Amino acid sequence: MRVLPSCLFSLLLACGGAPSSSESAPSALALPNQAEAEPGVITGGPPSVADLEAAAAAGFTLVVSLRTHAEGGLPEERATVERLGMRFAHVPIDGPDDLTVENARRVDSLLAAADGPAIVHCGSGNRAGAVMALRAFLRGESIDAAVEHGEAAGLRGLEDATRARLTRICEEDPERRC
C-alpha cells in the first residue's frame, strides 16, 4: 500500500509545479515597454497581432486601448481582438488634458468588470502608466505612492503632468486630506 501515497505525492508535485495560465501569461506577451501594472493587468505599447493571439490563448479577456483615432489602427485592433474572443474597449487619452478622474474611473470600471486578465495600452506605455497612477490615487494611495505605481506600469514622460493632476484633485477635495 506504499504505492498509493507515493503516487499521490508525485501527482501533487507534478500539479503544483506547473504555472497557472495567469502566472505564465505575461511572459507570453511582448508589448513594447511591457509591465505588469498589477496582478492580471499588463500595460505597455500597442500589442502586435501575435501578442493578441498569445493573450487570447493565455486567457486574457479585455484589451483597453488608450490610443487616439489619430494614432491609427483602432478598427483593425478591435476586429482582431473581437475575432479572438476578447472584449475591446477604447478610452482615448491624447495627453495631460485627458488624464481625468472620469477616464481613470472608466478604465477602473472596465478592469473591474473583466472576467480575466487585461491589457491596457497606448502608443508607448506612458499614458497607460499615468492612468494606473490615477487609479491608484483614487483607491487611496498618496500622490508619491500613486506616481511610483504609475512608473512601475510605464509612466515615463507624463510624471509632472500626472503629479499636477493628482495635486489638483487634492485641492478640489479637501476631505481627501492629501
Foldseek 3Di string as FASTA:
>chain_A
DVVVVVVVVVVCVVVVPDDQLQVCLVVQFDAAVWFQLDRLEIEWADGDLSRLLSNLVSPFAEEEEQEDCVVDDPVVVCVSNVVSRHHYHYNHDPALVSLDLVSLVVVVVVVVPTPGGYYYYYHTQQVVLLSQLSNVVVVPDDNVVSLVSSVSRPRDPCSVSSSVNSVVVCVVDVVSVD
